[in-house]
Amino acid sequence: MKNLKYSLPLSLTGLLLAKPVYAHCPLCVAGAGVGLSLSRVLGIDDSITGIWMGAFLGATSFWLNNSIKKTYIPLQKLVIYLVIFVTTVFSFYRFGLINEHNGLILNLPKLTFGIIIGGVLFYLFDFINAKIKENNGKVLFPYQSIVLSLGSMLIASFGMYIILNYYI
């Protein structure tokens, strides 16, 4: 009971002093992470897993960029995005997580191909979302960013599934 006497005021103080969240979209990061984990557990093809990995890396890089208060270099958002992608793919190659035994698409290992597709789509749909907000002065519907980001990844995943199973 003594602990309760002190924990309630501390909890309320924490709520009153909480800072606003300036993340790109924590739900996008969590959604991409869950999709990535689920695809690995279910044994889904590496190219589809790569799409979710690309989205996860993109959301993480936007989150990092938004947590940096100032712009230190021109095109900082793009530079952070590319650095995170290159270092992740390099480390995957270095530690044997990407290999050619799972097959190639356009002469790239499936996971690398998926990461590139997912990363480009995520960046593209973030740009489209920003333009929609800029043109209208607001979002068109609640959770628009999440719907566009995760929706594009779902469509890309289904598209990749169809291509892999019916055309390749």
Protein backbone atom coordinates (compact mmCIF):
# COMPACT_ATOMS: atom_id res chain seq x y z
CA MET A 1 0.00 0.00 0.00
CA LYS A 2 2.92 2.31 0.70
CA ASN A 3 4.17 1.87 -2.87
CA LEU A 4 0.75 2.73 -4.26
CA LYS A 5 0.82 6.02 -2.36
CA TYR A 6 3.97 7.05 -4.26
CA SER A 7 3.31 5.40 -7.63
CA LEU A 8 0.08 7.26 -8.39
CA PRO A 9 1.59 10.77 -8.10
CA LEU A 10 4.63 9.63 -10.09
CA SER A 11 2.40 8.22 -12.82
CA LEU A 12 0.37 11.40 -13.03
CA THR A 13 3.57 13.47 -13.14
CA GLY A 14 4.80 11.33 -16.01
CA LEU A 15 1.58 11.92 -17.93
CA LEU A 16 1.71 15.67 -17.34
CA LEU A 17 5.35 15.97 -18.40
CA ALA A 18 5.15 13.60 -21.38
CA LYS A 19 6.58 14.98 -24.60
CA PRO A 20 4.65 14.74 -27.86
CA VAL A 21 5.73 11.98 -30.18
CA TYR A 22 7.49 13.18 -33.31
CA ALA A 23 7.99 9.77 -34.84
CA HIS A 24 7.12 9.14 -38.46
CA CYS A 25 4.55 6.65 -37.39
CA PRO A 26 5.20 4.24 -34.54
CA LEU A 27 2.23 2.16 -35.67
CA CYS A 28 3.80 1.82 -39.13
CA VAL A 29 7.04 0.62 -37.58
CA ALA A 30 5.17 -1.83 -35.38
CA GLY A 31 2.96 -3.01 -38.26
CA ALA A 32 5.90 -3.62 -40.55
CA GLY A 33 7.76 -5.41 -37.75
CA VAL A 34 4.80 -7.67 -37.05
CA GLY A 35 4.37 -8.41 -40.76
CA LEU A 36 8.06 -9.20 -41.05
CA SER A 37 8.05 -11.51 -38.04
CA LEU A 38 4.90 -13.26 -39.20
CA SER A 39 6.29 -13.84 -42.68
CA ARG A 40 9.41 -15.50 -41.27
CA VAL A 41 7.42 -17.71 -38.88
CA LEU A 42 5.06 -18.82 -41.64
CA GLY A 43 7.91 -19.61 -44.04
CA ILE A 44 6.83 -17.05 -46.63
CA ASP A 45 9.14 -16.51 -49.62
CA ASP A 46 12.16 -14.26 -49.05
CA SER A 47 11.08 -11.75 -51.69
CA ILE A 48 7.82 -11.10 -49.84
CA THR A 49 9.64 -10.98 -46.50
CA GLY A 50 12.03 -8.50 -48.11
CA ILE A 51 9.14 -6.20 -49.00
CA TRP A 52 8.21 -6.00 -45.31
CA MET A 53 11.87 -5.60 -44.34
CA GLY A 54 12.14 -2.66 -46.76
CA ALA A 55 9.06 -1.07 -45.18
CA PHE A 56 10.43 -1.68 -41.69
CA LEU A 57 13.76 -0.09 -42.58
CA GLY A 58 11.97 2.84 -44.23
CA ALA A 59 9.73 3.47 -41.23
CA THR A 60 12.71 3.19 -38.89
CA SER A 61 14.74 5.66 -40.94
CA PHE A 62 11.86 8.17 -41.02
CA TRP A 63 11.44 7.73 -37.30
CA LEU A 64 15.15 8.43 -36.76
CA ASN A 65 15.06 11.44 -39.09
CA ASN A 66 12.07 12.95 -37.29
CA SER A 67 13.74 12.50 -33.91
CA ILE A 68 16.66 14.64 -35.09
CA LYS A 69 15.50 18.20 -34.45
CA LYS A 70 17.66 20.01 -37.03
CA THR A 71 18.64 19.42 -40.62
CA TYR A 72 22.41 19.08 -40.65
CA ILE A 73 22.96 18.09 -44.29
CA PRO A 74 21.01 18.64 -47.50
CA LEU A 75 18.58 15.81 -48.26
CA GLN A 76 19.09 14.49 -44.72
CA LYS A 77 15.97 12.32 -44.85
CA LEU A 78 17.13 10.56 -48.03
CA VAL A 79 20.69 10.16 -46.75
CA ILE A 80 19.51 8.56 -43.49
CA TYR A 81 17.18 6.34 -45.50
CA LEU A 82 19.97 5.14 -47.80
CA VAL A 83 22.52 4.69 -45.00
CA ILE A 84 20.13 2.47 -43.04
CA PHE A 85 19.32 0.41 -46.13
CA VAL A 86 22.92 -0.02 -47.26
CA THR A 87 24.25 -0.90 -43.82
CA THR A 88 21.44 -3.39 -43.20
CA VAL A 89 21.82 -5.15 -46.55
CA PHE A 90 25.61 -5.16 -46.15
CA SER A 91 25.35 -6.71 -42.69
CA PHE A 92 22.86 -9.31 -44.00
CA TYR A 93 25.37 -10.30 -46.69
CA ARG A 94 28.26 -10.22 -44.23
CA PHE A 95 26.58 -12.59 -41.78
CA GLY A 96 25.09 -14.92 -44.39
CA LEU A 97 21.43 -13.98 -43.98
CA ILE A 98 21.15 -13.29 -47.70
CA ASN A 99 22.16 -16.08 -50.01
CA GLU A 100 21.54 -17.19 -53.57
CA HIS A 101 20.31 -20.65 -52.58
CA ASN A 102 16.78 -19.32 -52.15
CA GLY A 103 16.70 -18.19 -55.78
CA LEU A 104 17.31 -15.04 -57.76
CA ILE A 105 15.01 -12.41 -59.22
CA LEU A 106 16.58 -10.09 -61.80
CA ASN A 107 19.94 -11.57 -60.76
CA LEU A 108 19.49 -10.42 -57.15
CA PRO A 109 18.87 -12.70 -54.17
CA LYS A 110 15.16 -12.73 -53.37
CA LEU A 111 15.55 -11.01 -50.00
CA THR A 112 17.62 -8.18 -51.50
CA PHE A 113 15.12 -7.76 -54.33
CA GLY A 114 12.23 -7.59 -51.86
CA ILE A 115 14.04 -5.08 -49.63
CA ILE A 116 14.61 -2.81 -52.63
CA ILE A 117 10.98 -3.08 -53.79
CA GLY A 118 9.62 -2.52 -50.27
CA GLY A 119 11.95 0.40 -49.61
CA VAL A 120 11.16 2.17 -52.87
CA LEU A 121 7.40 1.65 -52.41
CA PHE A 122 7.49 2.85 -48.82
CA TYR A 123 9.40 6.01 -49.76
CA LEU A 124 7.10 6.61 -52.76
CA PHE A 125 3.92 6.26 -50.71
CA ASP A 126 5.32 8.50 -47.98
CA PHE A 127 5.94 11.13 -50.67
CA ILE A 128 2.39 10.66 -52.03
CA ASN A 129 0.96 10.94 -48.51
CA ALA A 130 2.92 14.16 -47.90
CA LYS A 131 1.62 15.63 -51.17
CA ILE A 132 -1.98 14.71 -50.27
CA LYS A 133 -1.58 16.46 -46.90
CA GLU A 134 0.09 19.46 -48.55
CA ASN A 135 -2.57 19.86 -51.26
CA ASN A 136 -5.54 19.45 -48.91
CA GLY A 137 -4.04 21.02 -45.82
CA LYS A 138 -5.00 17.93 -43.84
CA VAL A 139 -5.37 14.18 -44.11
CA LEU A 140 -8.36 12.90 -46.08
CA PHE A 141 -9.30 10.24 -43.52
CA PRO A 142 -8.11 9.04 -40.10
CA TYR A 143 -4.95 6.91 -40.13
CA GLN A 144 -4.27 7.83 -43.74
CA SER A 145 -0.50 7.35 -43.34
CA ILE A 146 -0.93 3.86 -41.93
CA VAL A 147 -3.46 2.85 -44.57
CA LEU A 148 -1.23 4.06 -47.43
CA SER A 149 1.98 2.57 -46.02
CA LEU A 150 0.68 -0.81 -44.92
CA GLY A 151 -1.80 -1.01 -47.79
CA SER A 152 0.97 -0.56 -50.34
CA MET A 153 3.00 -3.30 -48.62
CA LEU A 154 0.03 -5.69 -48.64
CA ILE A 155 -0.66 -5.03 -52.32
CA ALA A 156 3.03 -5.48 -53.16
CA SER A 157 3.12 -8.73 -51.15
CA PHE A 158 0.08 -10.15 -52.93
CA GLY A 159 1.49 -9.01 -56.27
CA MET A 160 4.81 -10.70 -55.54
CA TYR A 161 2.99 -13.87 -54.49
CA ILE A 162 1.08 -13.96 -57.77
CA ILE A 163 4.21 -13.29 -59.82
CA LEU A 164 6.22 -15.96 -58.00
CA ASN A 165 3.56 -18.65 -58.12
CA TYR A 166 2.07 -18.09 -61.55
CA TYR A 167 4.72 -16.42 -63.71
CA ILE A 168 8.19 -17.35 -62.41
